[in-house]
Each structure stands twice: as structure tokens, then as C-alpha cells.
């Protein structure tokens, strides 16, 4: 879904005959679509990490734990362009998304990665 949204946002063409109000609206919608697509990409990786961790709790398979930390690393990396897209859309650093979603979630996942990637793994 995120890749489709990103593709649609990039494909949005502003007609040459569009008046200024319509042009601004379409430019804002393009930026919103790009932001939402970037956030969905991060969310998908976060969910993949949570699913792999759940499997690890059921199986104790090292591959599941490794898959979880890898997905969480990808999620943290995906939050960087999501933050940039949010700023391009016009979200300020003091908004709920920036402080309580992007910033908090980055730290939360980094702590999980540090715990799960430890040589002994997390306590079960």
C-alpha cells in the first residue's frame, strides 16, 4: 500500500491551466501522499519486526530473532525519510507526529534492537 501511495504521489500532475489555489492544493496533496507513503513503509518494517519477535517467543529460533532485529533496523532507517517527508509536507518539529511518533518510536526501536541483538538475546 505504501509503495502504491508513493507512486501515486509522484505521478500526480498539476495541469498547466490550474489556478494558483488548485496548484497549491495539489502540491500539498503530493507532499501529504509522499509523507504517508514513507510512514507506511516504516510501519510495515516495524510490524515485520514485531511479527518475527513473536515467532521467536514461540520457537526460540535464532533466525527469528535475527529477522526481528533486521526489520527493526530497516524501520528505524525508514523513519529518517518519513521525518523529511513530514517536514516537506509542513509538519513542524513540535507536532505530535514529530515528537511522539517519529522521535519516540525511533528511540523505542533502537532500545529493542540493542536488547535483542545482544549476544545472549533478551530474557524470555
PDB file of N, CA and C in Angstrom:
ATOM      1  N   UNK A   1       0.829  -1.190   0.000  1.00  0.00           N
ATOM      2  CA  UNK A   1       0.000   0.000   0.000  1.00  0.00           C
ATOM      3  C   UNK A   1       0.875   1.257   0.000  1.00  0.00           C
ATOM      4  N   UNK A   2       1.943   1.259   0.788  1.00  0.00           N
ATOM      5  CA  UNK A   2       2.816   2.421   0.851  1.00  0.00           C
ATOM      6  C   UNK A   2       3.501   2.709  -0.468  1.00  0.00           C
ATOM      7  N   UNK A   3       3.936   1.648  -1.157  1.00  0.00           N
ATOM      8  CA  UNK A   3       4.607   1.854  -2.447  1.00  0.00           C
ATOM      9  C   UNK A   3       3.624   2.389  -3.483  1.00  0.00           C
ATOM     10  N   UNK A   4       2.375   1.908  -3.445  1.00  0.00           N
ATOM     11  CA  UNK A   4       1.368   2.410  -4.368  1.00  0.00           C
ATOM     12  C   UNK A   4       1.063   3.871  -4.100  1.00  0.00           C
ATOM     13  N   UNK A   5       0.984   4.237  -2.820  1.00  0.00           N
ATOM     14  CA  UNK A   5       0.716   5.621  -2.456  1.00  0.00           C
ATOM     15  C   UNK A   5       1.872   6.522  -2.881  1.00  0.00           C
ATOM     16  N   UNK A   6       3.092   6.058  -2.680  1.00  0.00           N
ATOM     17  CA  UNK A   6       4.263   6.845  -3.092  1.00  0.00           C
ATOM     18  C   UNK A   6       4.263   7.040  -4.606  1.00  0.00           C
ATOM     19  N   UNK A   7       3.958   5.983  -5.327  1.00  0.00           N
ATOM     20  CA  UNK A   7       3.913   6.065  -6.793  1.00  0.00           C
ATOM     21  C   UNK A   7       2.820   7.046  -7.231  1.00  0.00           C
ATOM     22  N   UNK A   8       1.670   6.980  -6.589  1.00  0.00           N
ATOM     23  CA  UNK A   8       0.569   7.890  -6.936  1.00  0.00           C
ATOM     24  C   UNK A   8       0.933   9.335  -6.627  1.00  0.00           C
ATOM     25  N   UNK A   9       1.604   9.559  -5.496  1.00  0.00           N
ATOM     26  CA  UNK A   9       2.002  10.922  -5.138  1.00  0.00           C
ATOM     27  C   UNK A   9       2.986  11.481  -6.164  1.00  0.00           C
ATOM     28  N   UNK A  10       3.935  10.653  -6.588  1.00  0.00           N
ATOM     29  CA  UNK A  10       4.908  11.112  -7.590  1.00  0.00           C
ATOM     30  C   UNK A  10       4.248  11.356  -8.940  1.00  0.00           C
ATOM     31  N   UNK A  11       3.231  10.563  -9.247  1.00  0.00           N
ATOM     32  CA  UNK A  11       2.577  10.656 -10.550  1.00  0.00           C
ATOM     33  C   UNK A  11       1.584  11.812 -10.645  1.00  0.00           C
ATOM     34  N   UNK A  12       1.218  12.395  -9.508  1.00  0.00           N
ATOM     35  CA  UNK A  12       0.248  13.489  -9.514  1.00  0.00           C
ATOM     36  C   UNK A  12       0.786  14.644 -10.347  1.00  0.00           C
ATOM     37  N   UNK A  13       0.095  14.922 -11.406  1.00  0.00           N
ATOM     38  CA  UNK A  13       0.498  16.008 -12.307  1.00  0.00           C
ATOM     39  C   UNK A  13      -0.402  17.207 -12.084  1.00  0.00           C
ATOM     40  N   UNK A  14       0.205  18.360 -12.072  1.00  0.00           N
ATOM     41  CA  UNK A  14      -0.550  19.595 -11.903  1.00  0.00           C
ATOM     42  C   UNK A  14      -0.780  20.187 -13.288  1.00  0.00           C
ATOM     43  N   UNK A  15      -2.038  20.290 -13.691  1.00  0.00           N
ATOM     44  CA  UNK A  15      -2.317  20.828 -15.021  1.00  0.00           C
ATOM     45  C   UNK A  15      -1.778  22.249 -15.179  1.00  0.00           C
ATOM     46  N   UNK A  16      -1.244  22.537 -16.328  1.00  0.00           N
ATOM     47  CA  UNK A  16      -0.687  23.863 -16.597  1.00  0.00           C
ATOM     48  C   UNK A  16      -1.746  24.948 -16.443  1.00  0.00           C
ATOM     49  N   UNK A  17      -2.982  24.613 -16.717  1.00  0.00           N
ATOM     50  CA  UNK A  17      -4.059  25.604 -16.648  1.00  0.00           C
ATOM     51  C   UNK A  17      -4.614  25.783 -15.235  1.00  0.00           C
ATOM     52  N   UNK A  18      -4.094  25.028 -14.271  1.00  0.00           N
ATOM     53  CA  UNK A  18      -4.604  25.122 -12.897  1.00  0.00           C
ATOM     54  C   UNK A  18      -4.334  26.498 -12.310  1.00  0.00           C
ATOM     55  N   UNK A  19      -5.344  27.031 -11.629  1.00  0.00           N
ATOM     56  CA  UNK A  19      -5.129  28.328 -10.977  1.00  0.00           C
ATOM     57  C   UNK A  19      -4.263  28.125  -9.731  1.00  0.00           C
ATOM     58  N   UNK A  20      -3.836  29.227  -9.128  1.00  0.00           N
ATOM     59  CA  UNK A  20      -2.892  29.161  -8.006  1.00  0.00           C
ATOM     60  C   UNK A  20      -3.441  28.362  -6.829  1.00  0.00           C
ATOM     61  N   UNK A  21      -4.719  28.533  -6.495  1.00  0.00           N
ATOM     62  CA  UNK A  21      -5.318  27.810  -5.378  1.00  0.00           C
ATOM     63  C   UNK A  21      -5.299  26.305  -5.621  1.00  0.00           C
ATOM     64  N   UNK A  22      -5.665  25.892  -6.799  1.00  0.00           N
ATOM     65  CA  UNK A  22      -5.663  24.469  -7.154  1.00  0.00           C
ATOM     66  C   UNK A  22      -4.234  23.936  -7.171  1.00  0.00           C
ATOM     67  N   UNK A  23      -3.328  24.723  -7.711  1.00  0.00           N
ATOM     68  CA  UNK A  23      -1.920  24.319  -7.768  1.00  0.00           C
ATOM     69  C   UNK A  23      -1.381  24.064  -6.353  1.00  0.00           C
ATOM     70  N   UNK A  24      -1.649  24.993  -5.420  1.00  0.00           N
ATOM     71  CA  UNK A  24      -1.190  24.822  -4.027  1.00  0.00           C
ATOM     72  C   UNK A  24      -1.817  23.578  -3.394  1.00  0.00           C
ATOM     73  N   UNK A  25      -3.104  23.378  -3.653  1.00  0.00           N
ATOM     74  CA  UNK A  25      -3.797  22.209  -3.102  1.00  0.00           C
ATOM     75  C   UNK A  25      -3.173  20.910  -3.621  1.00  0.00           C
ATOM     76  N   UNK A  26      -2.918  20.842  -4.908  1.00  0.00           N
ATOM     77  CA  UNK A  26      -2.327  19.632  -5.497  1.00  0.00           C
ATOM     78  C   UNK A  26      -0.896  19.416  -5.013  1.00  0.00           C
ATOM     79  N   UNK A  27      -0.130  20.492  -4.870  1.00  0.00           N
ATOM     80  CA  UNK A  27       1.231  20.360  -4.348  1.00  0.00           C
ATOM     81  C   UNK A  27       1.205  19.846  -2.911  1.00  0.00           C
ATOM     82  N   UNK A  28       0.254  20.344  -2.113  1.00  0.00           N
ATOM     83  CA  UNK A  28       0.114  19.873  -0.726  1.00  0.00           C
ATOM     84  C   UNK A  28      -0.296  18.399  -0.692  1.00  0.00           C
ATOM     85  N   UNK A  29      -1.203  17.999  -1.561  1.00  0.00           N
ATOM     86  CA  UNK A  29      -1.630  16.599  -1.615  1.00  0.00           C
ATOM     87  C   UNK A  29      -0.484  15.691  -2.057  1.00  0.00           C
ATOM     88  N   UNK A  30       0.331  16.159  -2.963  1.00  0.00           N
ATOM     89  CA  UNK A  30       1.505  15.387  -3.380  1.00  0.00           C
ATOM     90  C   UNK A  30       2.447  15.188  -2.197  1.00  0.00           C
ATOM     91  N   UNK A  31       2.700  16.260  -1.439  1.00  0.00           N
ATOM     92  CA  UNK A  31       3.575  16.158  -0.266  1.00  0.00           C
ATOM     93  C   UNK A  31       2.959  15.273   0.807  1.00  0.00           C
ATOM     94  N   UNK A  32       1.636  15.371   1.017  1.00  0.00           N
ATOM     95  CA  UNK A  32       0.972  14.525   2.005  1.00  0.00           C
ATOM     96  C   UNK A  32       1.087  13.056   1.612  1.00  0.00           C
ATOM     97  N   UNK A  33       0.866  12.755   0.354  1.00  0.00           N
ATOM     98  CA  UNK A  33       0.969  11.379  -0.120  1.00  0.00           C
ATOM     99  C   UNK A  33       2.368  10.822   0.050  1.00  0.00           C
ATOM    100  N   UNK A  34       3.371  11.647  -0.231  1.00  0.00           N
ATOM    101  CA  UNK A  34       4.763  11.203  -0.059  1.00  0.00           C
ATOM    102  C   UNK A  34       5.065  10.939   1.413  1.00  0.00           C
ATOM    103  N   UNK A  35       4.581  11.807   2.299  1.00  0.00           N
ATOM    104  CA  UNK A  35       4.779  11.609   3.739  1.00  0.00           C
ATOM    105  C   UNK A  35       4.086  10.335   4.209  1.00  0.00           C
ATOM    106  N   UNK A  36       2.829  10.174   3.854  1.00  0.00           N
ATOM    107  CA  UNK A  36       2.094   8.992   4.303  1.00  0.00           C
ATOM    108  C   UNK A  36       2.716   7.712   3.764  1.00  0.00           C
ATOM    109  N   UNK A  37       3.197   7.736   2.533  1.00  0.00           N
ATOM    110  CA  UNK A  37       3.848   6.554   1.965  1.00  0.00           C
ATOM    111  C   UNK A  37       5.120   6.213   2.732  1.00  0.00           C
ATOM    112  N   UNK A  38       5.903   7.232   3.070  1.00  0.00           N
ATOM    113  CA  UNK A  38       7.140   6.997   3.822  1.00  0.00           C
ATOM    114  C   UNK A  38       6.825   6.449   5.206  1.00  0.00           C
ATOM    115  N   UNK A  39       5.802   6.973   5.846  1.00  0.00           N
ATOM    116  CA  UNK A  39       5.416   6.483   7.170  1.00  0.00           C
ATOM    117  C   UNK A  39       4.901   5.047   7.095  1.00  0.00           C
ATOM    118  N   UNK A  40       4.133   4.729   6.068  1.00  0.00           N
ATOM    119  CA  UNK A  40       3.646   3.353   5.903  1.00  0.00           C
ATOM    120  C   UNK A  40       4.799   2.369   5.688  1.00  0.00           C
ATOM    121  N   UNK A  41       5.830   2.798   4.985  1.00  0.00           N
ATOM    122  CA  UNK A  41       6.999   1.932   4.784  1.00  0.00           C
ATOM    123  C   UNK A  41       7.666   1.626   6.121  1.00  0.00           C
ATOM    124  N   UNK A  42       7.796   2.643   6.977  1.00  0.00           N
ATOM    125  CA  UNK A  42       8.385   2.426   8.305  1.00  0.00           C
ATOM    126  C   UNK A  42       7.491   1.515   9.136  1.00  0.00           C
ATOM    127  N   UNK A  43       6.181   1.736   9.074  1.00  0.00           N
ATOM    128  CA  UNK A  43       5.241   0.921   9.846  1.00  0.00           C
ATOM    129  C   UNK A  43       5.280  -0.540   9.406  1.00  0.00           C
ATOM    130  N   UNK A  44       5.423  -0.772   8.122  1.00  0.00           N
ATOM    131  CA  UNK A  44       5.467  -2.152   7.616  1.00  0.00           C
ATOM    132  C   UNK A  44       6.691  -2.882   8.166  1.00  0.00           C
ATOM    133  N   UNK A  45       7.835  -2.200   8.208  1.00  0.00           N
ATOM    134  CA  UNK A  45       9.043  -2.824   8.760  1.00  0.00           C
ATOM    135  C   UNK A  45       8.906  -3.047  10.264  1.00  0.00           C
ATOM    136  N   UNK A  46       8.298  -2.087  10.955  1.00  0.00           N
ATOM    137  CA  UNK A  46       8.076  -2.254  12.394  1.00  0.00           C
ATOM    138  C   UNK A  46       7.192  -3.478  12.648  1.00  0.00           C
ATOM    139  N   UNK A  47       6.143  -3.636  11.861  1.00  0.00           N
ATOM    140  CA  UNK A  47       5.252  -4.779  12.030  1.00  0.00           C
ATOM    141  C   UNK A  47       5.965  -6.086  11.707  1.00  0.00           C
ATOM    142  N   UNK A  48       6.796  -6.081  10.683  1.00  0.00           N
ATOM    143  CA  UNK A  48       7.569  -7.284  10.353  1.00  0.00           C
ATOM    144  C   UNK A  48       8.483  -7.654  11.522  1.00  0.00           C
ATOM    145  N   UNK A  49       9.090  -6.644  12.157  1.00  0.00           N
ATOM    146  CA  UNK A  49       9.942  -6.898  13.316  1.00  0.00           C
ATOM    147  C   UNK A  49       9.160  -7.469  14.484  1.00  0.00           C
ATOM    148  N   UNK A  50       7.977  -6.921  14.737  1.00  0.00           N
ATOM    149  CA  UNK A  50       7.135  -7.426  15.826  1.00  0.00           C
ATOM    150  C   UNK A  50       6.674  -8.852  15.544  1.00  0.00           C
ATOM    151  N   UNK A  51       6.325  -9.131  14.301  1.00  0.00           N
ATOM    152  CA  UNK A  51       5.896 -10.490  13.946  1.00  0.00           C
ATOM    153  C   UNK A  51       7.031 -11.493  14.127  1.00  0.00           C
ATOM    154  N   UNK A  52       8.220 -11.122  13.697  1.00  0.00           N
ATOM    155  CA  UNK A  52       9.372 -12.023  13.845  1.00  0.00           C
ATOM    156  C   UNK A  52       9.706 -12.233  15.315  1.00  0.00           C
ATOM    157  N   UNK A  53       9.568 -11.198  16.116  1.00  0.00           N
ATOM    158  CA  UNK A  53       9.822 -11.351  17.548  1.00  0.00           C
ATOM    159  C   UNK A  53       8.797 -12.303  18.173  1.00  0.00           C
ATOM    160  N   UNK A  54       7.552 -12.160  17.775  1.00  0.00           N
ATOM    161  CA  UNK A  54       6.523 -13.090  18.254  1.00  0.00           C
ATOM    162  C   UNK A  54       6.844 -14.529  17.884  1.00  0.00           C
ATOM    163  N   UNK A  55       7.323 -14.736  16.669  1.00  0.00           N
ATOM    164  CA  UNK A  55       7.728 -16.094  16.269  1.00  0.00           C
ATOM    165  C   UNK A  55       8.863 -16.585  17.151  1.00  0.00           C
ATOM    166  N   UNK A  56       9.826 -15.693  17.431  1.00  0.00           N
ATOM    167  CA  UNK A  56      10.959 -16.092  18.265  1.00  0.00           C
ATOM    168  C   UNK A  56      10.483 -16.526  19.643  1.00  0.00           C
ATOM    169  N   UNK A  57       9.515 -15.813  20.222  1.00  0.00           N
ATOM    170  CA  UNK A  57       8.994 -16.208  21.534  1.00  0.00           C
ATOM    171  C   UNK A  57       8.351 -17.592  21.475  1.00  0.00           C
ATOM    172  N   UNK A  58       7.820 -17.965  20.326  1.00  0.00           N
ATOM    173  CA  UNK A  58       7.210 -19.295  20.167  1.00  0.00           C
ATOM    174  C   UNK A  58       8.224 -20.373  19.821  1.00  0.00           C
ATOM    175  N   UNK A  59       9.282 -20.011  19.102  1.00  0.00           N
ATOM    176  CA  UNK A  59      10.197 -21.025  18.573  1.00  0.00           C
ATOM    177  C   UNK A  59      11.583 -21.019  19.188  1.00  0.00           C
ATOM    178  N   UNK A  60      12.015 -19.876  19.707  1.00  0.00           N
ATOM    179  CA  UNK A  60      13.388 -19.669  20.196  1.00  0.00           C
ATOM    180  C   UNK A  60      14.417 -19.830  19.067  1.00  0.00           C
ATOM    181  N   UNK A  61      13.964 -19.756  17.827  1.00  0.00           N
ATOM    182  CA  UNK A  61      14.862 -19.901  16.682  1.00  0.00           C
ATOM    183  C   UNK A  61      15.692 -18.629  16.504  1.00  0.00           C
ATOM    184  N   UNK A  62      17.015 -18.745  16.483  1.00  0.00           N
ATOM    185  CA  UNK A  62      17.863 -17.561  16.289  1.00  0.00           C
ATOM    186  C   UNK A  62      17.535 -16.792  15.014  1.00  0.00           C
ATOM    187  N   UNK A  63      17.095 -17.497  13.975  1.00  0.00           N
ATOM    188  CA  UNK A  63      16.762 -16.825  12.717  1.00  0.00           C
ATOM    189  C   UNK A  63      15.588 -15.865  12.900  1.00  0.00           C
ATOM    190  N   UNK A  64      14.642 -16.232  13.762  1.00  0.00           N
ATOM    191  CA  UNK A  64      13.509 -15.341  14.009  1.00  0.00           C
ATOM    192  C   UNK A  64      13.950 -14.083  14.742  1.00  0.00           C
ATOM    193  N   UNK A  65      14.836 -14.238  15.710  1.00  0.00           N
ATOM    194  CA  UNK A  65      15.344 -13.079  16.439  1.00  0.00           C
ATOM    195  C   UNK A  65      16.154 -12.184  15.497  1.00  0.00           C
ATOM    196  N   UNK A  66      16.966 -12.792  14.647  1.00  0.00           N
ATOM    197  CA  UNK A  66      17.750 -12.021  13.674  1.00  0.00           C
ATOM    198  C   UNK A  66      16.828 -11.292  12.695  1.00  0.00           C
ATOM    199  N   UNK A  67      15.757 -11.953  12.273  1.00  0.00           N
ATOM    200  CA  UNK A  67      14.800 -11.307  11.359  1.00  0.00           C
ATOM    201  C   UNK A  67      14.130 -10.118  12.039  1.00  0.00           C
ATOM    202  N   UNK A  68      13.848 -10.257  13.321  1.00  0.00           N
ATOM    203  CA  UNK A  68      13.224  -9.162  14.064  1.00  0.00           C
ATOM    204  C   UNK A  68      14.142  -7.946  14.136  1.00  0.00           C
ATOM    205  N   UNK A  69      15.378  -8.151  14.533  1.00  0.00           N
ATOM    206  CA  UNK A  69      16.288  -7.007  14.652  1.00  0.00           C
ATOM    207  C   UNK A  69      16.583  -6.388  13.282  1.00  0.00           C
ATOM    208  N   UNK A  70      16.665  -7.209  12.252  1.00  0.00           N
ATOM    209  CA  UNK A  70      16.905  -6.665  10.902  1.00  0.00           C
ATOM    210  C   UNK A  70      15.732  -5.792  10.462  1.00  0.00           C
ATOM    211  N   UNK A  71      14.516  -6.257  10.708  1.00  0.00           N
ATOM    212  CA  UNK A  71      13.337  -5.474  10.315  1.00  0.00           C
ATOM    213  C   UNK A  71      13.253  -4.188  11.136  1.00  0.00           C
ATOM    214  N   UNK A  72      13.579  -4.262  12.419  1.00  0.00           N
ATOM    215  CA  UNK A  72      13.550  -3.053  13.244  1.00  0.00           C
ATOM    216  C   UNK A  72      14.617  -2.054  12.793  1.00  0.00           C
ATOM    217  N   UNK A  73      15.764  -2.544  12.369  1.00  0.00           N
ATOM    218  CA  UNK A  73      16.791  -1.637  11.829  1.00  0.00           C
ATOM    219  C   UNK A  73      16.290  -0.953  10.558  1.00  0.00           C
ATOM    220  N   UNK A  74      15.617  -1.723   9.713  1.00  0.00           N
ATOM    221  CA  UNK A  74      15.049  -1.125   8.491  1.00  0.00           C
ATOM    222  C   UNK A  74      13.967  -0.106   8.850  1.00  0.00           C
ATOM    223  N   UNK A  75      13.188  -0.383   9.896  1.00  0.00           N
ATOM    224  CA  UNK A  75      12.146   0.552  10.326  1.00  0.00           C
ATOM    225  C   UNK A  75      12.765   1.863  10.809  1.00  0.00           C
ATOM    226  N   UNK A  76      13.816   1.763  11.617  1.00  0.00           N
ATOM    227  CA  UNK A  76      14.499   2.973  12.103  1.00  0.00           C
ATOM    228  C   UNK A  76      15.045   3.767  10.909  1.00  0.00           C
ATOM    229  N   UNK A  77      15.647   3.069   9.964  1.00  0.00           N
ATOM    230  CA  UNK A  77      16.180   3.747   8.779  1.00  0.00           C
ATOM    231  C   UNK A  77      15.056   4.391   7.970  1.00  0.00           C
ATOM    232  N   UNK A  78      13.903   3.736   7.894  1.00  0.00           N
ATOM    233  CA  UNK A  78      12.771   4.272   7.127  1.00  0.00           C
ATOM    234  C   UNK A  78      12.143   5.491   7.794  1.00  0.00           C
ATOM    235  N   UNK A  79      12.334   5.632   9.098  1.00  0.00           N
ATOM    236  CA  UNK A  79      11.788   6.809   9.781  1.00  0.00           C
ATOM    237  C   UNK A  79      12.539   8.092   9.429  1.00  0.00           C
ATOM    238  N   UNK A  80      13.767   7.964   8.926  1.00  0.00           N
ATOM    239  CA  UNK A  80      14.530   9.156   8.534  1.00  0.00           C
ATOM    240  C   UNK A  80      13.865   9.842   7.333  1.00  0.00           C
ATOM    241  N   UNK A  81      13.620   9.131   6.224  1.00  0.00           N
ATOM    242  CA  UNK A  81      12.931   9.805   5.120  1.00  0.00           C
ATOM    243  C   UNK A  81      11.476  10.154   5.465  1.00  0.00           C
ATOM    244  N   UNK A  82      10.862   9.405   6.382  1.00  0.00           N
ATOM    245  CA  UNK A  82       9.500   9.753   6.801  1.00  0.00           C
ATOM    246  C   UNK A  82       9.500  11.116   7.496  1.00  0.00           C
ATOM    247  N   UNK A  83      10.510  11.354   8.330  1.00  0.00           N
ATOM    248  CA  UNK A  83      10.626  12.650   9.010  1.00  0.00           C
ATOM    249  C   UNK A  83      10.851  13.769   7.988  1.00  0.00           C
ATOM    250  N   UNK A  84      11.728  13.525   7.024  1.00  0.00           N
ATOM    251  CA  UNK A  84      11.990  14.532   5.985  1.00  0.00           C
ATOM    252  C   UNK A  84      10.725  14.808   5.171  1.00  0.00           C
ATOM    253  N   UNK A  85       9.977  13.757   4.856  1.00  0.00           N
ATOM    254  CA  UNK A  85       8.733  13.938   4.098  1.00  0.00           C
ATOM    255  C   UNK A  85       7.697  14.679   4.932  1.00  0.00           C
ATOM    256  N   UNK A  86       7.673  14.421   6.236  1.00  0.00           N
ATOM    257  CA  UNK A  86       6.754  15.143   7.122  1.00  0.00           C
ATOM    258  C   UNK A  86       7.100  16.629   7.136  1.00  0.00           C
ATOM    259  N   UNK A  87       8.382  16.934   7.173  1.00  0.00           N
ATOM    260  CA  UNK A  87       8.810  18.340   7.155  1.00  0.00           C
ATOM    261  C   UNK A  87       8.457  18.987   5.813  1.00  0.00           C
ATOM    262  N   UNK A  88       8.663  18.250   4.724  1.00  0.00           N
ATOM    263  CA  UNK A  88       8.317  18.782   3.402  1.00  0.00           C
ATOM    264  C   UNK A  88       6.811  19.019   3.292  1.00  0.00           C
ATOM    265  N   UNK A  89       6.022  18.212   3.970  1.00  0.00           N
ATOM    266  CA  UNK A  89       4.569  18.373   3.992  1.00  0.00           C
ATOM    267  C   UNK A  89       4.169  19.569   4.844  1.00  0.00           C
ATOM    268  N   UNK A  90       5.046  19.977   5.760  1.00  0.00           N
ATOM    269  CA  UNK A  90       4.771  21.154   6.569  1.00  0.00           C
ATOM    270  C   UNK A  90       4.596  20.885   8.048  1.00  0.00           C
ATOM    271  N   UNK A  91       4.894  19.657   8.497  1.00  0.00           N
ATOM    272  CA  UNK A  91       4.786  19.373   9.921  1.00  0.00           C
ATOM    273  C   UNK A  91       5.991  19.954  10.652  1.00  0.00           C
ATOM    274  N   UNK A  92       5.730  20.708  11.693  1.00  0.00           N
ATOM    275  CA  UNK A  92       6.794  21.334  12.485  1.00  0.00           C
ATOM    276  C   UNK A  92       7.364  20.332  13.482  1.00  0.00           C
ATOM    277  N   UNK A  93       8.549  20.642  13.990  1.00  0.00           N
ATOM    278  CA  UNK A  93       9.216  19.744  14.937  1.00  0.00           C
ATOM    279  C   UNK A  93       8.443  19.559  16.235  1.00  0.00           C
ATOM    280  N   UNK A  94       7.542  20.479  16.565  1.00  0.00           N
ATOM    281  CA  UNK A  94       6.794  20.352  17.817  1.00  0.00           C
ATOM    282  C   UNK A  94       5.426  19.688  17.641  1.00  0.00           C
ATOM    283  N   UNK A  95       5.180  19.098  16.477  1.00  0.00           N
ATOM    284  CA  UNK A  95       3.892  18.430  16.259  1.00  0.00           C
ATOM    285  C   UNK A  95       3.887  17.048  16.904  1.00  0.00           C
ATOM    286  N   UNK A  96       2.693  16.523  17.092  1.00  0.00           N
ATOM    287  CA  UNK A  96       2.520  15.192  17.681  1.00  0.00           C
ATOM    288  C   UNK A  96       3.333  14.150  16.911  1.00  0.00           C
ATOM    289  N   UNK A  97       3.247  14.165  15.594  1.00  0.00           N
ATOM    290  CA  UNK A  97       3.966  13.158  14.801  1.00  0.00           C
ATOM    291  C   UNK A  97       5.462  13.226  15.059  1.00  0.00           C
ATOM    292  N   UNK A  98       6.038  14.416  14.979  1.00  0.00           N
ATOM    293  CA  UNK A  98       7.487  14.544  15.105  1.00  0.00           C
ATOM    294  C   UNK A  98       7.983  14.132  16.484  1.00  0.00           C
ATOM    295  N   UNK A  99       7.305  14.565  17.528  1.00  0.00           N
ATOM    296  CA  UNK A  99       7.779  14.288  18.891  1.00  0.00           C
ATOM    297  C   UNK A  99       7.324  12.931  19.414  1.00  0.00           C
ATOM    298  N   UNK A 100       6.083  12.577  19.189  1.00  0.00           N
ATOM    299  CA  UNK A 100       5.514  11.413  19.855  1.00  0.00           C
ATOM    300  C   UNK A 100       5.377  10.189  18.965  1.00  0.00           C
ATOM    301  N   UNK A 101       5.615  10.329  17.718  1.00  0.00           N
ATOM    302  CA  UNK A 101       5.613   9.161  16.830  1.00  0.00           C
ATOM    303  C   UNK A 101       7.036   8.946  16.330  1.00  0.00           C
ATOM    304  N   UNK A 102       7.505   9.838  15.479  1.00  0.00           N
ATOM    305  CA  UNK A 102       8.805   9.639  14.842  1.00  0.00           C
ATOM    306  C   UNK A 102       9.937   9.596  15.853  1.00  0.00           C
ATOM    307  N   UNK A 103      10.056  10.607  16.683  1.00  0.00           N
ATOM    308  CA  UNK A 103      11.184  10.676  17.619  1.00  0.00           C
ATOM    309  C   UNK A 103      11.098   9.580  18.691  1.00  0.00           C
ATOM    310  N   UNK A 104       9.936   9.418  19.296  1.00  0.00           N
ATOM    311  CA  UNK A 104       9.784   8.413  20.350  1.00  0.00           C
ATOM    312  C   UNK A 104       9.980   7.008  19.782  1.00  0.00           C
ATOM    313  N   UNK A 105       9.349   6.737  18.645  1.00  0.00           N
ATOM    314  CA  UNK A 105       9.413   5.397  18.067  1.00  0.00           C
ATOM    315  C   UNK A 105      10.837   5.031  17.657  1.00  0.00           C
ATOM    316  N   UNK A 106      11.589   5.999  17.138  1.00  0.00           N
ATOM    317  CA  UNK A 106      12.984   5.735  16.785  1.00  0.00           C
ATOM    318  C   UNK A 106      13.750   5.255  18.010  1.00  0.00           C
ATOM    319  N   UNK A 107      13.634   5.978  19.112  1.00  0.00           N
ATOM    320  CA  UNK A 107      14.334   5.581  20.341  1.00  0.00           C
ATOM    321  C   UNK A 107      13.854   4.252  20.877  1.00  0.00           C
ATOM    322  N   UNK A 108      12.553   4.023  20.830  1.00  0.00           N
ATOM    323  CA  UNK A 108      11.981   2.764  21.312  1.00  0.00           C
ATOM    324  C   UNK A 108      12.539   1.580  20.517  1.00  0.00           C
ATOM    325  N   UNK A 109      12.576   1.703  19.212  1.00  0.00           N
ATOM    326  CA  UNK A 109      13.090   0.595  18.387  1.00  0.00           C
ATOM    327  C   UNK A 109      14.594   0.436  18.568  1.00  0.00           C
ATOM    328  N   UNK A 110      15.324   1.523  18.719  1.00  0.00           N
ATOM    329  CA  UNK A 110      16.767   1.413  18.954  1.00  0.00           C
ATOM    330  C   UNK A 110      17.055   0.668  20.261  1.00  0.00           C
ATOM    331  N   UNK A 111      16.247   0.917  21.295  1.00  0.00           N
ATOM    332  CA  UNK A 111      16.422   0.174  22.555  1.00  0.00           C
ATOM    333  C   UNK A 111      16.116  -1.310  22.375  1.00  0.00           C
ATOM    334  N   UNK A 112      15.093  -1.623  21.622  1.00  0.00           N
ATOM    335  CA  UNK A 112      14.750  -3.025  21.364  1.00  0.00           C
ATOM    336  C   UNK A 112      15.869  -3.716  20.579  1.00  0.00           C
ATOM    337  N   UNK A 113      16.380  -3.035  19.569  1.00  0.00           N
ATOM    338  CA  UNK A 113      17.472  -3.608  18.778  1.00  0.00           C
ATOM    339  C   UNK A 113      18.665  -3.892  19.680  1.00  0.00           C
ATOM    340  N   UNK A 114      19.028  -2.948  20.541  1.00  0.00           N
ATOM    341  CA  UNK A 114      20.173  -3.147  21.441  1.00  0.00           C
ATOM    342  C   UNK A 114      19.942  -4.353  22.342  1.00  0.00           C
ATOM    343  N   UNK A 115      18.734  -4.527  22.821  1.00  0.00           N
ATOM    344  CA  UNK A 115      18.419  -5.655  23.702  1.00  0.00           C
ATOM    345  C   UNK A 115      18.421  -6.981  22.922  1.00  0.00           C
ATOM    346  N   UNK A 116      17.733  -6.998  21.785  1.00  0.00           N
ATOM    347  CA  UNK A 116      17.575  -8.250  21.037  1.00  0.00           C
ATOM    348  C   UNK A 116      18.849  -8.674  20.325  1.00  0.00           C
ATOM    349  N   UNK A 117      19.699  -7.720  19.979  1.00  0.00           N
ATOM    350  CA  UNK A 117      20.925  -8.047  19.255  1.00  0.00           C
ATOM    351  C   UNK A 117      22.072  -8.401  20.210  1.00  0.00           C
ATOM    352  N   UNK A 118      21.829  -8.277  21.517  1.00  0.00           N
ATOM    353  CA  UNK A 118      22.874  -8.653  22.498  1.00  0.00           C
ATOM    354  C   UNK A 118      23.236 -10.116  22.309  1.00  0.00           C
ATOM    355  N   UNK A 119      24.481 -10.489  22.571  1.00  0.00           N
ATOM    356  CA  UNK A 119      24.915 -11.873  22.325  1.00  0.00           C
ATOM    357  C   UNK A 119      23.992 -12.942  22.950  1.00  0.00           C
ATOM    358  N   UNK A 120      23.490 -12.682  24.132  1.00  0.00           N
ATOM    359  CA  UNK A 120      22.621 -13.674  24.779  1.00  0.00           C
ATOM    360  C   UNK A 120      21.175 -13.508  24.364  1.00  0.00           C
ATOM    361  N   UNK A 121      20.848 -12.409  23.673  1.00  0.00           N
ATOM    362  CA  UNK A 121      19.463 -12.149  23.311  1.00  0.00           C
ATOM    363  C   UNK A 121      18.696 -11.698  24.544  1.00  0.00           C
ATOM    364  N   UNK A 122      17.431 -11.328  24.371  1.00  0.00           N
ATOM    365  CA  UNK A 122      16.634 -10.866  25.501  1.00  0.00           C
ATOM    366  C   UNK A 122      16.232 -12.029  26.405  1.00  0.00           C
ATOM    367  N   UNK A 123      15.912 -11.707  27.617  1.00  0.00           N
ATOM    368  CA  UNK A 123      15.380 -12.734  28.531  1.00  0.00           C
ATOM    369  C   UNK A 123      14.011 -13.141  28.040  1.00  0.00           C
ATOM    370  N   UNK A 124      13.740 -14.428  28.058  1.00  0.00           N
ATOM    371  CA  UNK A 124      12.440 -14.917  27.606  1.00  0.00           C
ATOM    372  C   UNK A 124      11.654 -15.181  28.824  1.00  0.00           C
TER     373      UNK A 124
END
